[in-house]
Amino acid sequence: MHKVSVRQHIIDRVMARRGRYHWFDRLDPARTALVVIDMQSTFCAPGAPAEVAGSRAIVPQINALTRQLRQRGVPIIWILHANSHLGEKSDWEIFFDNVVASEVRSRTIESLLPGRQQVWSELETAPNDLTLVKIRYSAMISGSSSLERVLRNLGVDTVLIAGTKTNVCCESTARDAMMLDFKVVMVEDCMAALSDEEHLATLETFIQQFGDVMTGAEVLQRLGAG
């Protein structure tokens, strides 16, 4: 689990610019959804080709948060990553040709095949939860997933982001959600990156320009405010 939080000089900068730290004093349960990103074997399993060891450490916090959110009627949406392949060709060649090392390319391709993706076994799911598949870092860009349409149909205007990696798929999805006029909260103790430094860099950039950063406890407090 990460042992870092937004540093005081960033807090001071935010306060000087807008006079308050948090973007949102209250969150409406009827208009809020939790989006949990990439908590699947490719990233969570020990020895997996894209393992994020810290992802296993945030499982208790995610489970605690989802239990409370379901009681408040807040939808839980699990986002899983998958990519299709036809022979040697992928639906995301730029990624597999340049980001994935050749010696682990085949393992990564196999682990991300459509139809094999499931929410990590240690996470608690419920029948009313939704599960969507994305094919890019961001679940919000056109063609990646149906997340935006699902959120609009649910009447959601506020998105809570959890999962892994903080600085890749979580950040990409969160930034794009803000660009599409959603209110966004990064749930800092329910996200994992490969290092404290990468995790913190995302939080500190996000709180300044893109949306809020809260712990799960702070989220629950604001959902009950007013």
Protein backbone atom coordinates (compact mmCIF):
# COMPACT_ATOMS: atom_id res chain seq x y z
CA MET A 1 0.00 0.00 0.00
CA HIS A 2 1.29 3.47 -0.83
CA LYS A 3 2.48 5.51 2.15
CA VAL A 4 2.25 8.89 0.45
CA SER A 5 -0.31 11.66 0.12
CA VAL A 6 -0.40 15.04 -1.57
CA ARG A 7 2.46 17.14 -0.20
CA GLN A 8 1.95 20.33 1.74
CA HIS A 9 3.50 22.64 -0.85
CA ILE A 10 0.99 21.36 -3.43
CA ILE A 11 -1.84 21.89 -0.97
CA ASP A 12 -0.57 25.42 -0.34
CA ARG A 13 -0.43 26.10 -4.09
CA VAL A 14 -3.99 24.86 -4.55
CA MET A 15 -5.24 26.95 -1.64
CA ALA A 16 -3.54 30.07 -2.99
CA ARG A 17 -5.08 29.56 -6.42
CA ARG A 18 -8.69 28.68 -5.57
CA GLY A 19 -9.08 29.17 -1.83
CA ARG A 20 -10.03 25.59 -1.01
CA TYR A 21 -8.45 22.19 -1.42
CA HIS A 22 -11.28 19.82 -2.34
CA TRP A 23 -13.33 20.37 -5.47
CA PHE A 24 -16.52 18.86 -4.05
CA ASP A 25 -18.07 19.37 -0.60
CA ARG A 26 -20.93 16.98 -1.27
CA LEU A 27 -21.43 13.97 -3.53
CA ASP A 28 -24.93 12.90 -4.58
CA PRO A 29 -25.33 9.09 -4.28
CA ALA A 30 -28.07 9.15 -6.93
CA ARG A 31 -25.66 10.68 -9.48
CA THR A 32 -22.42 8.91 -8.53
CA ALA A 33 -20.77 5.69 -9.74
CA LEU A 34 -17.57 3.90 -8.75
CA VAL A 35 -15.42 2.81 -11.69
CA VAL A 36 -12.80 0.19 -10.76
CA ILE A 37 -10.17 -0.22 -13.45
CA ASP A 38 -8.05 -3.23 -14.49
CA MET A 39 -8.32 -5.26 -11.30
CA GLN A 40 -7.79 -8.54 -13.16
CA SER A 41 -5.18 -11.30 -13.30
CA THR A 42 -2.93 -9.59 -15.87
CA PHE A 43 -2.20 -6.86 -13.33
CA CYS A 44 -3.01 -8.45 -9.96
CA ALA A 45 -1.64 -11.99 -10.10
CA PRO A 46 1.88 -12.67 -8.77
CA GLY A 47 4.24 -13.13 -11.72
CA ALA A 48 1.69 -11.88 -14.25
CA PRO A 49 3.15 -10.22 -17.38
CA ALA A 50 1.95 -6.76 -16.29
CA GLU A 51 1.97 -7.33 -12.53
CA VAL A 52 1.34 -4.36 -10.26
CA ALA A 53 2.19 -5.83 -6.87
CA GLY A 54 0.50 -2.96 -5.06
CA SER A 55 -2.83 -3.85 -6.64
CA ARG A 56 -3.23 -6.74 -4.22
CA ALA A 57 -2.67 -4.42 -1.26
CA ILE A 58 -5.65 -2.21 -2.15
CA VAL A 59 -8.14 -5.08 -2.31
CA PRO A 60 -9.35 -4.63 1.32
CA GLN A 61 -9.91 -0.91 0.79
CA ILE A 62 -11.84 -1.48 -2.44
CA ASN A 63 -13.98 -4.17 -0.82
CA ALA A 64 -14.73 -1.92 2.15
CA LEU A 65 -15.70 0.94 -0.16
CA THR A 66 -17.90 -1.14 -2.48
CA ARG A 67 -19.82 -2.58 0.47
CA GLN A 68 -20.70 0.89 1.69
CA LEU A 69 -21.48 2.25 -1.76
CA ARG A 70 -23.90 -0.56 -2.55
CA GLN A 71 -25.80 0.25 0.63
CA ARG A 72 -26.15 3.82 -0.66
CA GLY A 73 -27.34 2.68 -4.09
CA VAL A 74 -24.14 3.76 -5.87
CA PRO A 75 -23.43 1.61 -8.96
CA ILE A 76 -20.18 -0.36 -9.07
CA ILE A 77 -18.67 -0.67 -12.55
CA TRP A 78 -15.72 -3.01 -13.10
CA ILE A 79 -13.60 -2.15 -16.13
CA LEU A 80 -11.47 -4.97 -17.53
CA HIS A 81 -8.91 -4.70 -20.32
CA ALA A 82 -8.82 -7.01 -23.36
CA ASN A 83 -7.33 -6.90 -26.85
CA SER A 84 -8.20 -9.00 -29.89
CA HIS A 85 -5.64 -10.63 -32.17
CA LEU A 86 -5.87 -12.16 -35.63
CA GLY A 87 -2.68 -14.07 -36.28
CA GLU A 88 0.17 -11.68 -35.57
CA LYS A 89 -2.00 -8.56 -35.77
CA SER A 90 -3.59 -6.88 -32.78
CA ASP A 91 -6.31 -4.27 -32.39
CA TRP A 92 -3.63 -2.16 -30.63
CA GLU A 93 -0.40 -2.70 -32.55
CA ILE A 94 1.27 0.49 -31.32
CA PHE A 95 1.09 -0.84 -27.76
CA PHE A 96 2.15 -4.42 -28.35
CA ASP A 97 4.96 -3.41 -30.72
CA ASN A 98 6.48 -0.69 -28.55
CA VAL A 99 5.45 -1.01 -24.90
CA VAL A 100 5.64 -4.77 -24.34
CA ALA A 101 9.07 -6.41 -24.43
CA SER A 102 9.39 -9.15 -27.02
CA GLU A 103 10.09 -11.84 -24.42
CA VAL A 104 6.78 -11.21 -22.64
CA ARG A 105 4.70 -10.17 -25.64
CA SER A 106 3.05 -13.57 -26.15
CA ARG A 107 2.26 -13.90 -22.43
CA THR A 108 0.72 -10.45 -22.39
CA ILE A 109 -1.34 -11.14 -25.52
CA GLU A 110 -2.62 -14.40 -24.07
CA SER A 111 -3.47 -12.85 -20.72
CA LEU A 112 -5.50 -10.08 -22.36
CA LEU A 113 -7.53 -12.20 -24.79
CA PRO A 114 -11.24 -11.34 -24.88
CA GLY A 115 -13.49 -13.73 -23.02
CA ARG A 116 -10.87 -14.61 -20.41
CA GLN A 117 -11.09 -11.49 -18.28
CA GLN A 118 -12.61 -11.64 -14.82
CA VAL A 119 -12.56 -9.39 -11.79
CA TRP A 120 -9.68 -10.38 -9.48
CA SER A 121 -10.86 -13.25 -7.29
CA GLU A 122 -10.19 -11.50 -3.97
CA LEU A 123 -12.52 -8.65 -4.81
CA GLU A 124 -16.16 -8.82 -3.73
CA THR A 125 -18.67 -8.44 -6.54
CA ALA A 126 -22.47 -8.38 -6.47
CA PRO A 127 -25.19 -9.35 -8.98
CA ASN A 128 -26.12 -5.72 -9.67
CA ASP A 129 -22.53 -4.67 -10.44
CA LEU A 130 -21.70 -3.94 -14.07
CA THR A 131 -18.64 -5.25 -15.92
CA LEU A 132 -17.37 -3.57 -19.09
CA VAL A 133 -14.36 -4.22 -21.31
CA LYS A 134 -12.01 -1.55 -22.66
CA ILE A 135 -9.35 -1.81 -25.35
CA ARG A 136 -7.28 1.30 -24.57
CA TYR A 137 -5.81 2.87 -21.44
CA SER A 138 -8.78 5.19 -21.14
CA ALA A 139 -12.22 3.65 -20.90
CA MET A 140 -13.74 6.99 -21.89
CA ILE A 141 -12.31 7.62 -25.35
CA SER A 142 -14.44 6.82 -28.38
CA GLY A 143 -14.26 3.17 -29.35
CA SER A 144 -12.56 1.95 -26.17
CA SER A 145 -15.64 0.93 -24.20
CA SER A 146 -19.29 1.76 -23.60
CA LEU A 147 -18.54 3.43 -20.25
CA GLU A 148 -19.61 6.95 -21.17
CA ARG A 149 -22.91 5.75 -22.59
CA VAL A 150 -23.56 3.58 -19.53
CA LEU A 151 -22.86 6.48 -17.16
CA ARG A 152 -25.13 8.84 -19.10
CA ASN A 153 -27.93 6.27 -19.15
CA LEU A 154 -27.60 5.81 -15.38
CA GLY A 155 -27.93 9.56 -14.86
CA VAL A 156 -24.42 9.72 -13.39
CA ASP A 157 -22.49 12.97 -13.39
CA THR A 158 -19.87 12.05 -10.76
CA VAL A 159 -17.27 9.31 -11.22
CA LEU A 160 -15.15 7.78 -8.47
CA ILE A 161 -11.98 6.16 -9.84
CA ALA A 162 -10.22 3.16 -8.27
CA GLY A 163 -7.95 0.39 -9.53
CA THR A 164 -4.61 0.20 -11.31
CA LYS A 165 -2.34 1.69 -12.51
CA THR A 166 -2.92 5.05 -10.85
CA ASN A 167 -0.79 6.86 -13.42
CA VAL A 168 -1.86 4.98 -16.56
CA CYS A 169 -5.38 3.61 -17.02
CA CYS A 170 -6.88 5.24 -13.92
CA GLU A 171 -5.43 8.63 -14.80
CA SER A 172 -6.26 8.34 -18.50
CA THR A 173 -9.88 7.44 -17.78
CA ALA A 174 -10.22 10.11 -15.09
CA ARG A 175 -8.79 12.90 -17.25
CA ASP A 176 -11.03 12.01 -20.17
CA ALA A 177 -14.07 11.86 -17.89
CA MET A 178 -13.35 15.41 -16.73
CA MET A 179 -12.92 16.52 -20.36
CA LEU A 180 -16.43 15.14 -20.96
CA ASP A 181 -17.81 17.24 -18.07
CA PHE A 182 -18.07 14.55 -15.42
CA LYS A 183 -17.11 15.40 -11.87
CA VAL A 184 -14.22 13.07 -11.02
CA VAL A 185 -12.72 11.88 -7.74
CA MET A 186 -9.56 9.78 -7.57
CA VAL A 187 -9.93 7.52 -4.51
CA GLU A 188 -6.32 7.61 -3.42
CA ASP A 189 -6.25 4.62 -1.05
CA CYS A 190 -8.08 2.44 -3.62
CA MET A 191 -5.54 2.88 -6.43
CA ALA A 192 -2.14 1.30 -7.05
CA ALA A 193 0.91 2.09 -9.18
CA LEU A 194 4.34 0.55 -9.54
CA SER A 195 5.88 3.08 -7.17
CA ASP A 196 4.94 5.71 -4.62
CA GLU A 197 6.49 8.37 -6.86
CA GLU A 198 4.27 7.55 -9.86
CA HIS A 199 1.17 7.29 -7.69
CA LEU A 200 1.87 10.62 -6.01
CA ALA A 201 2.66 12.43 -9.26
CA THR A 202 -0.79 11.59 -10.58
CA LEU A 203 -2.56 12.68 -7.39
CA GLU A 204 -0.73 15.99 -7.28
CA THR A 205 -1.41 16.81 -10.91
CA PHE A 206 -5.02 15.71 -10.70
CA ILE A 207 -5.99 17.76 -7.65
CA GLN A 208 -4.65 20.89 -9.30
CA GLN A 209 -6.25 20.64 -12.74
CA PHE A 210 -8.63 17.74 -13.27
CA GLY A 211 -10.67 16.81 -10.23
CA ASP A 212 -10.68 15.79 -6.60
CA VAL A 213 -8.51 13.41 -4.61
CA MET A 214 -10.06 11.76 -1.55
CA THR A 215 -9.70 8.67 0.58
CA GLY A 216 -12.54 6.18 0.61
CA ALA A 217 -13.57 7.48 4.04
CA GLU A 218 -13.75 11.04 2.71
CA VAL A 219 -15.87 9.89 -0.22
CA LEU A 220 -18.36 8.19 2.12
CA GLN A 221 -18.51 11.26 4.34
CA ARG A 222 -19.38 13.49 1.38
CA LEU A 223 -21.97 11.04 0.10
CA GLY A 224 -23.74 11.45 3.42
CA ALA A 225 -23.37 15.23 3.62
CA GLY A 226 -26.48 17.35 3.41
